[in-house]
PDB file of N, CA and C in Angstrom:
ATOM      1  N   MET A   1       1.065  10.479  29.900  1.00  0.00           N
ATOM      2  CA  MET A   1       2.170  10.661  28.953  1.00  0.00           C
ATOM      3  C   MET A   1       2.444   9.364  28.195  1.00  0.00           C
ATOM      4  N   PHE A   2       2.588   8.291  28.974  1.00  0.00           N
ATOM      5  CA  PHE A   2       2.945   7.005  28.357  1.00  0.00           C
ATOM      6  C   PHE A   2       1.836   6.502  27.431  1.00  0.00           C
ATOM      7  N   THR A   3       0.603   6.594  27.895  1.00  0.00           N
ATOM      8  CA  THR A   3      -0.519   6.131  27.077  1.00  0.00           C
ATOM      9  C   THR A   3      -0.653   6.974  25.815  1.00  0.00           C
ATOM     10  N   ASN A   4      -0.283   8.236  25.918  1.00  0.00           N
ATOM     11  CA  ASN A   4      -0.328   9.133  24.768  1.00  0.00           C
ATOM     12  C   ASN A   4       0.641   8.655  23.691  1.00  0.00           C
ATOM     13  N   ILE A   5       1.826   8.245  24.130  1.00  0.00           N
ATOM     14  CA  ILE A   5       2.834   7.736  23.188  1.00  0.00           C
ATOM     15  C   ILE A   5       2.330   6.452  22.531  1.00  0.00           C
ATOM     16  N   GLN A   6       1.705   5.594  23.332  1.00  0.00           N
ATOM     17  CA  GLN A   6       1.172   4.343  22.778  1.00  0.00           C
ATOM     18  C   GLN A   6       0.100   4.610  21.730  1.00  0.00           C
ATOM     19  N   GLN A   7      -0.777   5.562  22.011  1.00  0.00           N
ATOM     20  CA  GLN A   7      -1.821   5.918  21.038  1.00  0.00           C
ATOM     21  C   GLN A   7      -1.200   6.441  19.750  1.00  0.00           C
ATOM     22  N   GLU A   8      -0.150   7.229  19.906  1.00  0.00           N
ATOM     23  CA  GLU A   8       0.538   7.797  18.741  1.00  0.00           C
ATOM     24  C   GLU A   8       1.156   6.687  17.896  1.00  0.00           C
ATOM     25  N   GLU A   9       1.772   5.720  18.569  1.00  0.00           N
ATOM     26  CA  GLU A   9       2.384   4.586  17.861  1.00  0.00           C
ATOM     27  C   GLU A   9       1.318   3.771  17.135  1.00  0.00           C
ATOM     28  N   LYS A  10       0.194   3.567  17.799  1.00  0.00           N
ATOM     29  CA  LYS A  10      -0.903   2.812  17.196  1.00  0.00           C
ATOM     30  C   LYS A  10      -1.400   3.511  15.929  1.00  0.00           C
ATOM     31  N   LYS A  11      -1.511   4.835  16.009  1.00  0.00           N
ATOM     32  CA  LYS A  11      -1.975   5.612  14.860  1.00  0.00           C
ATOM     33  C   LYS A  11      -0.991   5.485  13.691  1.00  0.00           C
ATOM     34  N   ASN A  12       0.290   5.565  14.009  1.00  0.00           N
ATOM     35  CA  ASN A  12       1.318   5.427  12.979  1.00  0.00           C
ATOM     36  C   ASN A  12       1.268   4.046  12.347  1.00  0.00           C
ATOM     37  N   GLU A  13       1.050   3.035  13.183  1.00  0.00           N
ATOM     38  CA  GLU A  13       0.970   1.654  12.708  1.00  0.00           C
ATOM     39  C   GLU A  13      -0.171   1.498  11.715  1.00  0.00           C
ATOM     40  N   ASN A  14      -1.325   2.056  12.078  1.00  0.00           N
ATOM     41  CA  ASN A  14      -2.485   1.999  11.183  1.00  0.00           C
ATOM     42  C   ASN A  14      -2.207   2.721   9.873  1.00  0.00           C
ATOM     43  N   GLN A  15      -1.510   3.845   9.959  1.00  0.00           N
ATOM     44  CA  GLN A  15      -1.181   4.622   8.763  1.00  0.00           C
ATOM     45  C   GLN A  15      -0.272   3.817   7.848  1.00  0.00           C
ATOM     46  N   VAL A  16       0.720   3.160   8.453  1.00  0.00           N
ATOM     47  CA  VAL A  16       1.651   2.336   7.675  1.00  0.00           C
ATOM     48  C   VAL A  16       0.899   1.204   6.996  1.00  0.00           C
ATOM     49  N   ARG A  17      -0.015   0.595   7.733  1.00  0.00           N
ATOM     50  CA  ARG A  17      -0.794  -0.510   7.180  1.00  0.00           C
ATOM     51  C   ARG A  17      -1.624  -0.036   5.987  1.00  0.00           C
ATOM     52  N   LEU A  18      -2.220   1.143   6.119  1.00  0.00           N
ATOM     53  CA  LEU A  18      -2.988   1.726   5.018  1.00  0.00           C
ATOM     54  C   LEU A  18      -2.097   1.976   3.809  1.00  0.00           C
ATOM     55  N   ASN A  19      -0.911   2.509   4.061  1.00  0.00           N
ATOM     56  CA  ASN A  19       0.022   2.793   2.973  1.00  0.00           C
ATOM     57  C   ASN A  19       0.440   1.518   2.260  1.00  0.00           C
ATOM     58  N   VAL A  20       0.666   0.457   3.029  1.00  0.00           N
ATOM     59  CA  VAL A  20       1.072  -0.827   2.450  1.00  0.00           C
ATOM     60  C   VAL A  20      -0.051  -1.377   1.575  1.00  0.00           C
ATOM     61  N   THR A  21      -1.276  -1.306   2.074  1.00  0.00           N
ATOM     62  CA  THR A  21      -2.428  -1.791   1.304  1.00  0.00           C
ATOM     63  C   THR A  21      -2.571  -1.014   0.009  1.00  0.00           C
ATOM     64  N   GLU A  22      -2.411   0.291   0.112  1.00  0.00           N
ATOM     65  CA  GLU A  22      -2.516   1.167  -1.058  1.00  0.00           C
ATOM     66  C   GLU A  22      -1.414   0.855  -2.061  1.00  0.00           C
ATOM     67  N   ALA A  23      -0.197   0.658  -1.549  1.00  0.00           N
ATOM     68  CA  ALA A  23       0.941   0.357  -2.414  1.00  0.00           C
ATOM     69  C   ALA A  23       0.735  -0.975  -3.127  1.00  0.00           C
ATOM     70  N   ARG A  24       0.207  -1.969  -2.400  1.00  0.00           N
ATOM     71  CA  ARG A  24      -0.056  -3.276  -3.006  1.00  0.00           C
ATOM     72  C   ARG A  24      -1.071  -3.154  -4.123  1.00  0.00           C
ATOM     73  N   ARG A  25      -2.117  -2.350  -3.879  1.00  0.00           N
ATOM     74  CA  ARG A  25      -3.172  -2.181  -4.890  1.00  0.00           C
ATOM     75  C   ARG A  25      -2.597  -1.523  -6.144  1.00  0.00           C
ATOM     76  N   LYS A  26      -1.767  -0.490  -5.937  1.00  0.00           N
ATOM     77  CA  LYS A  26      -1.158   0.198  -7.078  1.00  0.00           C
ATOM     78  C   LYS A  26      -0.229  -0.740  -7.835  1.00  0.00           C
ATOM     79  N   LEU A  27       0.521  -1.546  -7.087  1.00  0.00           N
ATOM     80  CA  LEU A  27       1.457  -2.479  -7.710  1.00  0.00           C
ATOM     81  C   LEU A  27       0.699  -3.508  -8.541  1.00  0.00           C
ATOM     82  N   LYS A  28      -0.400  -4.000  -7.993  1.00  0.00           N
ATOM     83  CA  LYS A  28      -1.222  -4.975  -8.711  1.00  0.00           C
ATOM     84  C   LYS A  28      -1.756  -4.367 -10.002  1.00  0.00           C
ATOM     85  N   GLY A  29      -2.207  -3.126  -9.911  1.00  0.00           N
ATOM     86  CA  GLY A  29      -2.716  -2.423 -11.089  1.00  0.00           C
ATOM     87  C   GLY A  29      -1.621  -2.228 -12.123  1.00  0.00           C
ATOM     88  N   LEU A  30      -0.434  -1.893 -11.654  1.00  0.00           N
ATOM     89  CA  LEU A  30       0.697  -1.678 -12.550  1.00  0.00           C
ATOM     90  C   LEU A  30       1.057  -2.967 -13.277  1.00  0.00           C
ATOM     91  N   ILE A  31       1.057  -4.076 -12.524  1.00  0.00           N
ATOM     92  CA  ILE A  31       1.373  -5.380 -13.129  1.00  0.00           C
ATOM     93  C   ILE A  31       0.328  -5.740 -14.179  1.00  0.00           C
ATOM     94  N   LEU A  32      -0.935  -5.468 -13.878  1.00  0.00           N
ATOM     95  CA  LEU A  32      -2.007  -5.733 -14.837  1.00  0.00           C
ATOM     96  C   LEU A  32      -1.813  -4.927 -16.116  1.00  0.00           C
ATOM     97  N   VAL A  33      -1.461  -3.665 -15.953  1.00  0.00           N
ATOM     98  CA  VAL A  33      -1.233  -2.798 -17.122  1.00  0.00           C
ATOM     99  C   VAL A  33      -0.063  -3.314 -17.951  1.00  0.00           C
ATOM    100  N   ILE A  34       1.026  -3.694 -17.278  1.00  0.00           N
ATOM    101  CA  ILE A  34       2.202  -4.209 -17.991  1.00  0.00           C
ATOM    102  C   ILE A  34       1.849  -5.499 -18.724  1.00  0.00           C
ATOM    103  N   ASP A  35       1.113  -6.393 -18.056  1.00  0.00           N
ATOM    104  CA  ASP A  35       0.672  -7.644 -18.686  1.00  0.00           C
ATOM    105  C   ASP A  35      -0.152  -7.351 -19.936  1.00  0.00           C
ATOM    106  N   TRP A  36      -1.085  -6.414 -19.803  1.00  0.00           N
ATOM    107  CA  TRP A  36      -1.964  -6.066 -20.915  1.00  0.00           C
ATOM    108  C   TRP A  36      -1.158  -5.488 -22.075  1.00  0.00           C
ATOM    109  N   CYS A  37      -0.220  -4.605 -21.762  1.00  0.00           N
ATOM    110  CA  CYS A  37       0.614  -3.990 -22.800  1.00  0.00           C
ATOM    111  C   CYS A  37       1.447  -5.042 -23.537  1.00  0.00           C
ATOM    112  N   SER A  38       2.041  -5.946 -22.797  1.00  0.00           N
ATOM    113  CA  SER A  38       2.908  -6.949 -23.418  1.00  0.00           C
ATOM    114  C   SER A  38       2.094  -7.962 -24.222  1.00  0.00           C
ATOM    115  N   SER A  39       0.854  -8.209 -23.818  1.00  0.00           N
ATOM    116  CA  SER A  39       0.034  -9.166 -24.554  1.00  0.00           C
ATOM    117  C   SER A  39      -0.521  -8.545 -25.830  1.00  0.00           C
ATOM    118  N   THR A  40      -0.771  -7.236 -25.838  1.00  0.00           N
ATOM    119  CA  THR A  40      -1.305  -6.597 -27.037  1.00  0.00           C
ATOM    120  C   THR A  40      -0.192  -6.306 -28.050  1.00  0.00           C
ATOM    121  N   ARG A  41       1.050  -6.209 -27.563  1.00  0.00           N
ATOM    122  CA  ARG A  41       2.155  -5.876 -28.453  1.00  0.00           C
ATOM    123  C   ARG A  41       2.500  -7.064 -29.356  1.00  0.00           C
ATOM    124  N   ILE A  42       2.290  -8.265 -28.828  1.00  0.00           N
ATOM    125  CA  ILE A  42       2.645  -9.466 -29.604  1.00  0.00           C
ATOM    126  C   ILE A  42       1.645  -9.684 -30.741  1.00  0.00           C
TER     127      ILE A  42
END
């Protein structure tokens, strides 16, 4: 029972880490797009 809970927590942790990495990548892309838009507008 206890080890099962630990495995579940580990899985959730990995999922969160994946989500954070994905969010960072999207944020970086968004910043690049905003930079590009503001540089072409001038």
